[in-house]
Amino acid sequence: MAPADQQADAIHVDKSDRVLTLLRDETAFKRYSIALGGVPEGHKAQEGDERTPEGAYEIDWSNQNSIAHLSLHISYPNAADTAQATARGVSPGGNIMIHGTLNGWGWLGGIQHYWDWTNGCIAVTNKDMREIWSLVPVGTPITIEG
């Protein structure tokens, strides 16, 4: 991890511009191009819809041994997400992450940003993920906008 005074204290994701921004003291200090779920428009409503959620969440755990190059878990679903899915009789889904390229596919590098290929996660290059990993501690709030 980077020293505490160099770490992000918030993350902002703009789905329409395909950008993840790290902030410290409300000031952007790093920006990354991203790929999203295969159906990028709209808020995630249920498991399998391939949408990336929208709203306020937090990074609640990390996984250095994931199926993609490192991953930071986003706290989706929150209580409201669960309630809306339950009311509709469906599962809200889960396991939404910020992650690098799937293991073994790192050679794709930045070309992965030319299409939305995840199941609802936010994907960056492996190089970017290593940097994000070092700058984003568990507990960091993340806001995802459409």
N, C-alpha and C. Protein backbone atom coordinates (compact mmCIF):
# COMPACT_ATOMS: atom_id res chain seq x y z
N MET A 1 0.84 -1.19 0.00
CA MET A 1 0.00 0.00 0.00
C MET A 1 0.88 1.25 0.00
N ALA A 2 0.37 2.25 -0.68
CA ALA A 2 1.03 3.55 -0.68
C ALA A 2 0.88 4.16 0.72
N PRO A 3 1.74 5.11 1.07
CA PRO A 3 1.57 5.80 2.35
C PRO A 3 0.17 6.41 2.45
N ALA A 4 -0.36 6.49 3.66
CA ALA A 4 -1.73 6.96 3.88
C ALA A 4 -2.01 8.31 3.24
N ASP A 5 -1.03 9.21 3.25
CA ASP A 5 -1.27 10.54 2.69
C ASP A 5 -1.28 10.55 1.16
N GLN A 6 -1.02 9.40 0.54
CA GLN A 6 -1.09 9.28 -0.91
C GLN A 6 -2.26 8.42 -1.38
N GLN A 7 -3.02 7.86 -0.44
CA GLN A 7 -4.12 6.99 -0.78
C GLN A 7 -5.38 7.77 -1.10
N ALA A 8 -6.27 7.15 -1.85
CA ALA A 8 -7.57 7.74 -2.17
C ALA A 8 -8.45 7.71 -0.93
N ASP A 9 -9.30 8.73 -0.81
CA ASP A 9 -10.32 8.69 0.23
C ASP A 9 -11.72 8.61 -0.38
N ALA A 10 -11.78 8.53 -1.72
CA ALA A 10 -13.05 8.34 -2.42
C ALA A 10 -12.75 7.91 -3.86
N ILE A 11 -13.73 7.23 -4.46
CA ILE A 11 -13.65 6.81 -5.86
C ILE A 11 -14.93 7.29 -6.53
N HIS A 12 -14.77 7.81 -7.74
CA HIS A 12 -15.94 8.19 -8.55
C HIS A 12 -15.84 7.46 -9.88
N VAL A 13 -16.94 6.82 -10.28
CA VAL A 13 -17.00 6.13 -11.56
C VAL A 13 -18.07 6.80 -12.40
N ASP A 14 -17.70 7.23 -13.60
CA ASP A 14 -18.63 7.79 -14.56
C ASP A 14 -18.80 6.74 -15.66
N LYS A 15 -19.92 6.03 -15.62
CA LYS A 15 -20.16 4.97 -16.59
C LYS A 15 -20.27 5.51 -18.01
N SER A 16 -20.91 6.66 -18.18
CA SER A 16 -21.11 7.18 -19.54
C SER A 16 -19.80 7.58 -20.20
N ASP A 17 -18.84 8.07 -19.42
CA ASP A 17 -17.52 8.45 -19.96
C ASP A 17 -16.50 7.32 -19.84
N ARG A 18 -16.87 6.22 -19.18
CA ARG A 18 -15.98 5.07 -18.97
C ARG A 18 -14.68 5.49 -18.26
N VAL A 19 -14.85 6.20 -17.12
CA VAL A 19 -13.70 6.69 -16.36
C VAL A 19 -13.89 6.40 -14.88
N LEU A 20 -12.85 5.89 -14.25
CA LEU A 20 -12.77 5.74 -12.80
C LEU A 20 -11.78 6.77 -12.31
N THR A 21 -12.18 7.57 -11.32
CA THR A 21 -11.34 8.63 -10.79
C THR A 21 -11.10 8.39 -9.31
N LEU A 22 -9.84 8.49 -8.91
CA LEU A 22 -9.48 8.44 -7.49
C LEU A 22 -9.40 9.87 -6.98
N LEU A 23 -9.94 10.09 -5.77
CA LEU A 23 -9.95 11.41 -5.17
C LEU A 23 -9.29 11.39 -3.79
N ARG A 24 -8.70 12.49 -3.44
CA ARG A 24 -8.15 12.71 -2.10
C ARG A 24 -8.51 14.14 -1.74
N ASP A 25 -9.17 14.31 -0.61
CA ASP A 25 -9.62 15.64 -0.18
C ASP A 25 -10.45 16.32 -1.27
N GLU A 26 -11.35 15.55 -1.89
CA GLU A 26 -12.27 16.03 -2.94
C GLU A 26 -11.58 16.48 -4.22
N THR A 27 -10.30 16.15 -4.38
CA THR A 27 -9.55 16.52 -5.57
C THR A 27 -9.14 15.25 -6.32
N ALA A 28 -9.44 15.22 -7.62
CA ALA A 28 -9.05 14.09 -8.45
C ALA A 28 -7.53 14.05 -8.59
N PHE A 29 -6.94 12.87 -8.40
CA PHE A 29 -5.50 12.76 -8.60
C PHE A 29 -5.09 11.62 -9.52
N LYS A 30 -6.01 10.73 -9.87
CA LYS A 30 -5.73 9.66 -10.84
C LYS A 30 -7.02 9.36 -11.60
N ARG A 31 -6.88 9.09 -12.91
CA ARG A 31 -8.02 8.71 -13.75
C ARG A 31 -7.64 7.48 -14.57
N TYR A 32 -8.61 6.59 -14.74
CA TYR A 32 -8.37 5.35 -15.47
C TYR A 32 -9.53 5.08 -16.43
N SER A 33 -9.21 4.60 -17.61
CA SER A 33 -10.23 4.11 -18.54
C SER A 33 -10.73 2.77 -18.05
N ILE A 34 -12.03 2.52 -18.25
CA ILE A 34 -12.63 1.30 -17.73
C ILE A 34 -13.50 0.62 -18.79
N ALA A 35 -13.75 -0.65 -18.56
CA ALA A 35 -14.78 -1.41 -19.26
C ALA A 35 -15.82 -1.78 -18.21
N LEU A 36 -17.05 -1.95 -18.65
CA LEU A 36 -18.17 -2.21 -17.73
C LEU A 36 -18.83 -3.54 -18.06
N GLY A 37 -19.99 -3.75 -17.45
CA GLY A 37 -20.79 -4.92 -17.76
C GLY A 37 -21.28 -4.87 -19.19
N GLY A 38 -21.62 -6.03 -19.73
CA GLY A 38 -22.04 -6.14 -21.12
C GLY A 38 -23.29 -5.35 -21.48
N VAL A 39 -24.09 -4.97 -20.48
CA VAL A 39 -25.26 -4.10 -20.67
C VAL A 39 -25.01 -2.88 -19.78
N PRO A 40 -24.26 -1.90 -20.28
CA PRO A 40 -23.75 -0.85 -19.40
C PRO A 40 -24.76 0.20 -18.94
N GLU A 41 -25.87 0.36 -19.64
CA GLU A 41 -26.80 1.42 -19.28
C GLU A 41 -27.78 0.96 -18.22
N GLY A 42 -28.01 1.84 -17.24
CA GLY A 42 -28.96 1.56 -16.18
C GLY A 42 -28.33 0.89 -14.98
N HIS A 43 -29.08 0.92 -13.89
CA HIS A 43 -28.64 0.35 -12.61
C HIS A 43 -28.86 -1.16 -12.59
N LYS A 44 -27.95 -1.87 -11.98
CA LYS A 44 -28.09 -3.32 -11.83
C LYS A 44 -29.38 -3.61 -11.08
N ALA A 45 -30.22 -4.48 -11.65
CA ALA A 45 -31.51 -4.79 -11.05
C ALA A 45 -31.60 -6.22 -10.54
N GLN A 46 -30.80 -7.12 -11.15
CA GLN A 46 -30.87 -8.51 -10.72
C GLN A 46 -29.66 -9.28 -11.23
N GLU A 47 -29.45 -10.42 -10.60
CA GLU A 47 -28.36 -11.30 -10.98
C GLU A 47 -28.48 -11.66 -12.46
N GLY A 48 -27.36 -11.60 -13.17
CA GLY A 48 -27.32 -12.02 -14.56
C GLY A 48 -27.68 -10.95 -15.57
N ASP A 49 -28.02 -9.74 -15.13
CA ASP A 49 -28.43 -8.71 -16.10
C ASP A 49 -27.24 -8.00 -16.76
N GLU A 50 -26.02 -8.33 -16.33
CA GLU A 50 -24.77 -7.78 -16.87
C GLU A 50 -24.67 -6.26 -16.77
N ARG A 51 -25.39 -5.67 -15.81
CA ARG A 51 -25.30 -4.23 -15.58
C ARG A 51 -24.36 -3.97 -14.42
N THR A 52 -23.69 -2.83 -14.50
CA THR A 52 -22.86 -2.33 -13.42
C THR A 52 -23.75 -1.46 -12.54
N PRO A 53 -23.75 -1.69 -11.22
CA PRO A 53 -24.65 -0.91 -10.37
C PRO A 53 -24.35 0.58 -10.40
N GLU A 54 -25.32 1.37 -9.97
CA GLU A 54 -25.17 2.81 -9.82
C GLU A 54 -25.57 3.17 -8.40
N GLY A 55 -24.85 4.11 -7.81
CA GLY A 55 -25.19 4.54 -6.46
C GLY A 55 -23.95 4.67 -5.60
N ALA A 56 -24.20 4.76 -4.29
CA ALA A 56 -23.13 4.94 -3.31
C ALA A 56 -22.86 3.62 -2.60
N TYR A 57 -21.62 3.19 -2.66
CA TYR A 57 -21.19 1.93 -2.06
C TYR A 57 -19.84 2.16 -1.38
N GLU A 58 -19.16 1.09 -1.01
CA GLU A 58 -17.78 1.19 -0.52
C GLU A 58 -17.00 -0.05 -0.92
N ILE A 59 -15.70 0.09 -0.90
CA ILE A 59 -14.83 -1.06 -1.12
C ILE A 59 -14.79 -1.79 0.21
N ASP A 60 -15.34 -3.01 0.25
CA ASP A 60 -15.46 -3.67 1.55
C ASP A 60 -14.53 -4.87 1.75
N TRP A 61 -13.87 -5.32 0.72
CA TRP A 61 -12.79 -6.31 0.87
C TRP A 61 -12.00 -6.40 -0.42
N SER A 62 -10.84 -7.04 -0.33
CA SER A 62 -9.96 -7.18 -1.49
C SER A 62 -9.57 -8.64 -1.66
N ASN A 63 -9.19 -8.99 -2.90
CA ASN A 63 -8.83 -10.38 -3.20
C ASN A 63 -7.63 -10.38 -4.15
N GLN A 64 -6.49 -10.76 -3.63
CA GLN A 64 -5.30 -10.81 -4.49
C GLN A 64 -5.23 -12.11 -5.28
N ASN A 65 -6.12 -13.06 -5.01
CA ASN A 65 -6.13 -14.35 -5.71
C ASN A 65 -7.40 -14.56 -6.52
N SER A 66 -7.93 -13.50 -7.10
CA SER A 66 -9.18 -13.60 -7.85
C SER A 66 -8.95 -14.19 -9.24
N ILE A 67 -10.05 -14.43 -9.97
CA ILE A 67 -9.94 -14.95 -11.34
C ILE A 67 -9.47 -13.88 -12.32
N ALA A 68 -9.46 -12.64 -11.85
CA ALA A 68 -8.90 -11.53 -12.62
C ALA A 68 -7.69 -11.01 -11.85
N HIS A 69 -6.90 -10.20 -12.51
CA HIS A 69 -5.69 -9.69 -11.88
C HIS A 69 -6.07 -8.71 -10.76
N LEU A 70 -6.04 -9.19 -9.54
CA LEU A 70 -6.41 -8.45 -8.34
C LEU A 70 -7.87 -7.98 -8.42
N SER A 71 -8.51 -7.82 -7.27
CA SER A 71 -9.87 -7.30 -7.28
C SER A 71 -10.20 -6.63 -5.96
N LEU A 72 -11.01 -5.58 -6.08
CA LEU A 72 -11.54 -4.85 -4.93
C LEU A 72 -13.06 -4.98 -4.99
N HIS A 73 -13.65 -5.53 -3.94
CA HIS A 73 -15.09 -5.78 -3.93
C HIS A 73 -15.88 -4.51 -3.60
N ILE A 74 -16.93 -4.28 -4.39
CA ILE A 74 -17.85 -3.17 -4.18
C ILE A 74 -19.03 -3.70 -3.38
N SER A 75 -19.50 -2.96 -2.39
CA SER A 75 -20.49 -3.46 -1.43
C SER A 75 -21.92 -3.61 -1.98
N TYR A 76 -22.07 -3.77 -3.28
CA TYR A 76 -23.36 -4.10 -3.88
C TYR A 76 -23.70 -5.55 -3.55
N PRO A 77 -24.94 -5.88 -3.16
CA PRO A 77 -26.10 -5.02 -3.07
C PRO A 77 -26.21 -4.36 -1.69
N ASN A 78 -26.71 -3.12 -1.68
CA ASN A 78 -27.02 -2.49 -0.40
C ASN A 78 -28.47 -2.84 -0.03
N ALA A 79 -28.97 -2.30 1.07
CA ALA A 79 -30.32 -2.64 1.54
C ALA A 79 -31.39 -2.30 0.50
N ALA A 80 -31.26 -1.16 -0.16
CA ALA A 80 -32.25 -0.75 -1.17
C ALA A 80 -32.22 -1.69 -2.37
N ASP A 81 -31.01 -2.09 -2.80
CA ASP A 81 -30.89 -3.03 -3.92
C ASP A 81 -31.55 -4.37 -3.58
N THR A 82 -31.30 -4.85 -2.37
CA THR A 82 -31.87 -6.12 -1.93
C THR A 82 -33.39 -6.03 -1.84
N ALA A 83 -33.89 -4.92 -1.30
CA ALA A 83 -35.34 -4.75 -1.16
C ALA A 83 -36.04 -4.72 -2.51
N GLN A 84 -35.47 -4.00 -3.49
CA GLN A 84 -36.13 -3.93 -4.80
C GLN A 84 -36.11 -5.28 -5.48
N ALA A 85 -35.02 -6.01 -5.34
CA ALA A 85 -34.96 -7.34 -5.95
C ALA A 85 -35.93 -8.31 -5.27
N THR A 86 -35.98 -8.26 -3.94
CA THR A 86 -36.89 -9.13 -3.20
C THR A 86 -38.34 -8.85 -3.59
N ALA A 87 -38.68 -7.58 -3.73
CA ALA A 87 -40.05 -7.20 -4.12
C ALA A 87 -40.41 -7.75 -5.50
N ARG A 88 -39.41 -7.94 -6.35
CA ARG A 88 -39.64 -8.46 -7.69
C ARG A 88 -39.46 -9.97 -7.76
N GLY A 89 -39.06 -10.58 -6.64
CA GLY A 89 -38.89 -12.03 -6.60
C GLY A 89 -37.65 -12.53 -7.32
N VAL A 90 -36.59 -11.69 -7.36
CA VAL A 90 -35.35 -12.08 -8.02
C VAL A 90 -34.17 -11.87 -7.07
N SER A 91 -33.05 -12.44 -7.42
CA SER A 91 -31.81 -12.21 -6.68
C SER A 91 -31.18 -10.92 -7.19
N PRO A 92 -30.66 -10.06 -6.28
CA PRO A 92 -30.01 -8.84 -6.75
C PRO A 92 -28.64 -9.10 -7.39
N GLY A 93 -28.11 -10.30 -7.20
CA GLY A 93 -26.75 -10.57 -7.68
C GLY A 93 -25.75 -10.03 -6.68
N GLY A 94 -24.51 -10.03 -7.06
CA GLY A 94 -23.45 -9.57 -6.17
C GLY A 94 -22.10 -9.86 -6.78
N ASN A 95 -21.10 -9.85 -5.93
CA ASN A 95 -19.72 -10.11 -6.35
C ASN A 95 -19.26 -9.12 -7.42
N ILE A 96 -19.63 -7.86 -7.25
CA ILE A 96 -19.23 -6.80 -8.17
C ILE A 96 -17.88 -6.26 -7.72
N MET A 97 -16.95 -6.19 -8.64
CA MET A 97 -15.56 -5.84 -8.32
C MET A 97 -15.00 -4.76 -9.25
N ILE A 98 -13.95 -4.13 -8.79
CA ILE A 98 -13.01 -3.42 -9.66
C ILE A 98 -11.88 -4.43 -9.84
N HIS A 99 -11.53 -4.74 -11.08
CA HIS A 99 -10.50 -5.76 -11.29
C HIS A 99 -9.73 -5.51 -12.58
N GLY A 100 -8.60 -6.21 -12.69
CA GLY A 100 -7.81 -6.19 -13.92
C GLY A 100 -8.38 -7.20 -14.91
N THR A 101 -7.58 -7.51 -15.90
CA THR A 101 -7.97 -8.45 -16.95
C THR A 101 -8.04 -9.86 -16.36
N LEU A 102 -8.90 -10.69 -16.92
CA LEU A 102 -8.98 -12.08 -16.47
C LEU A 102 -7.60 -12.72 -16.56
N ASN A 103 -7.27 -13.55 -15.59
CA ASN A 103 -5.97 -14.20 -15.56
C ASN A 103 -5.71 -14.91 -16.88
N GLY A 104 -4.52 -14.69 -17.42
CA GLY A 104 -4.13 -15.28 -18.69
C GLY A 104 -4.43 -14.40 -19.89
N TRP A 105 -5.15 -13.31 -19.69
CA TRP A 105 -5.53 -12.42 -20.78
C TRP A 105 -4.89 -11.04 -20.66
N GLY A 106 -3.91 -10.90 -19.80
CA GLY A 106 -3.25 -9.61 -19.59
C GLY A 106 -2.66 -9.00 -20.83
N TRP A 107 -2.32 -9.82 -21.81
CA TRP A 107 -1.74 -9.32 -23.07
C TRP A 107 -2.70 -8.40 -23.80
N LEU A 108 -4.00 -8.45 -23.47
CA LEU A 108 -4.95 -7.55 -24.11
C LEU A 108 -4.68 -6.08 -23.77
N GLY A 109 -4.13 -5.85 -22.59
CA GLY A 109 -3.81 -4.47 -22.19
C GLY A 109 -4.99 -3.54 -22.38
N GLY A 110 -4.73 -2.37 -22.93
CA GLY A 110 -5.75 -1.34 -23.12
C GLY A 110 -6.79 -1.65 -24.16
N ILE A 111 -6.55 -2.67 -24.99
CA ILE A 111 -7.54 -3.00 -26.02
C ILE A 111 -8.87 -3.44 -25.40
N GLN A 112 -8.82 -3.93 -24.15
CA GLN A 112 -10.04 -4.38 -23.47
C GLN A 112 -11.04 -3.25 -23.27
N HIS A 113 -10.61 -2.00 -23.38
CA HIS A 113 -11.52 -0.87 -23.19
C HIS A 113 -12.39 -0.59 -24.40
N TYR A 114 -12.19 -1.31 -25.48
CA TYR A 114 -12.98 -1.07 -26.69
C TYR A 114 -14.36 -1.74 -26.66
N TRP A 115 -14.63 -2.55 -25.64
CA TRP A 115 -15.95 -3.14 -25.49
C TRP A 115 -16.21 -3.39 -24.01
N ASP A 116 -17.48 -3.46 -23.65
CA ASP A 116 -17.89 -3.76 -22.28
C ASP A 116 -18.08 -5.27 -22.17
N TRP A 117 -17.22 -5.90 -21.39
CA TRP A 117 -17.13 -7.35 -21.41
C TRP A 117 -17.37 -8.03 -20.06
N THR A 118 -17.53 -7.29 -18.99
CA THR A 118 -17.67 -7.94 -17.68
C THR A 118 -19.12 -8.34 -17.43
N ASN A 119 -19.35 -9.03 -16.33
CA ASN A 119 -20.71 -9.40 -15.93
C ASN A 119 -21.34 -8.35 -15.02
N GLY A 120 -20.76 -7.16 -14.98
CA GLY A 120 -21.25 -6.08 -14.13
C GLY A 120 -20.15 -5.41 -13.34
N CYS A 121 -18.94 -5.93 -13.47
CA CYS A 121 -17.79 -5.36 -12.76
C CYS A 121 -17.23 -4.15 -13.51
N ILE A 122 -16.22 -3.55 -12.92
CA ILE A 122 -15.49 -2.43 -13.51
C ILE A 122 -14.07 -2.94 -13.76
N ALA A 123 -13.67 -3.00 -15.04
CA ALA A 123 -12.37 -3.58 -15.39
C ALA A 123 -11.41 -2.51 -15.87
N VAL A 124 -10.16 -2.68 -15.47
CA VAL A 124 -9.05 -1.81 -15.88
C VAL A 124 -7.90 -2.70 -16.35
N THR A 125 -6.86 -2.11 -16.90
CA THR A 125 -5.70 -2.92 -17.27
C THR A 125 -5.02 -3.43 -16.00
N ASN A 126 -4.22 -4.47 -16.16
CA ASN A 126 -3.50 -5.02 -15.01
C ASN A 126 -2.56 -3.99 -14.40
N LYS A 127 -1.90 -3.22 -15.24
CA LYS A 127 -1.00 -2.17 -14.74
C LYS A 127 -1.79 -1.17 -13.89
N ASP A 128 -2.93 -0.72 -14.42
CA ASP A 128 -3.76 0.21 -13.66
C ASP A 128 -4.27 -0.42 -12.37
N MET A 129 -4.62 -1.71 -12.42
CA MET A 129 -5.14 -2.37 -11.23
C MET A 129 -4.09 -2.46 -10.14
N ARG A 130 -2.86 -2.69 -10.50
CA ARG A 130 -1.79 -2.72 -9.48
C ARG A 130 -1.68 -1.36 -8.81
N GLU A 131 -1.79 -0.29 -9.58
CA GLU A 131 -1.72 1.05 -9.00
C GLU A 131 -2.94 1.33 -8.12
N ILE A 132 -4.13 1.01 -8.62
CA ILE A 132 -5.36 1.22 -7.85
C ILE A 132 -5.29 0.43 -6.54
N TRP A 133 -4.84 -0.82 -6.64
CA TRP A 133 -4.70 -1.70 -5.47
C TRP A 133 -3.86 -1.02 -4.39
N SER A 134 -2.79 -0.34 -4.79
CA SER A 134 -1.89 0.28 -3.82
C SER A 134 -2.44 1.59 -3.26
N LEU A 135 -3.42 2.17 -3.93
CA LEU A 135 -3.94 3.49 -3.55
C LEU A 135 -5.31 3.47 -2.89
N VAL A 136 -6.00 2.32 -2.91
CA VAL A 136 -7.38 2.25 -2.42
C VAL A 136 -7.48 1.26 -1.26
N PRO A 137 -7.59 1.77 -0.04
CA PRO A 137 -7.76 0.87 1.10
C PRO A 137 -9.21 0.39 1.23
N VAL A 138 -9.38 -0.76 1.87
CA VAL A 138 -10.72 -1.24 2.21
C VAL A 138 -11.40 -0.16 3.04
N GLY A 139 -12.68 0.08 2.77
CA GLY A 139 -13.44 1.12 3.45
C GLY A 139 -13.61 2.38 2.63
N THR A 140 -12.93 2.46 1.48
CA THR A 140 -13.03 3.65 0.63
C THR A 140 -14.42 3.73 0.00
N PRO A 141 -15.11 4.87 0.13
CA PRO A 141 -16.42 5.01 -0.53
C PRO A 141 -16.26 5.10 -2.05
N ILE A 142 -17.25 4.56 -2.76
CA ILE A 142 -17.26 4.62 -4.22
C ILE A 142 -18.65 5.04 -4.67
N THR A 143 -18.69 6.03 -5.56
CA THR A 143 -19.93 6.49 -6.16
C THR A 143 -19.88 6.14 -7.64
N ILE A 144 -20.94 5.47 -8.10
CA ILE A 144 -21.01 5.05 -9.50
C ILE A 144 -22.22 5.76 -10.12
N GLU A 145 -21.94 6.55 -11.17
CA GLU A 145 -22.99 7.29 -11.87
C GLU A 145 -23.12 6.80 -13.30
N GLY A 146 -24.37 6.84 -13.80
CA GLY A 146 -24.66 6.39 -15.17
C GLY A 146 -24.25 7.34 -16.24
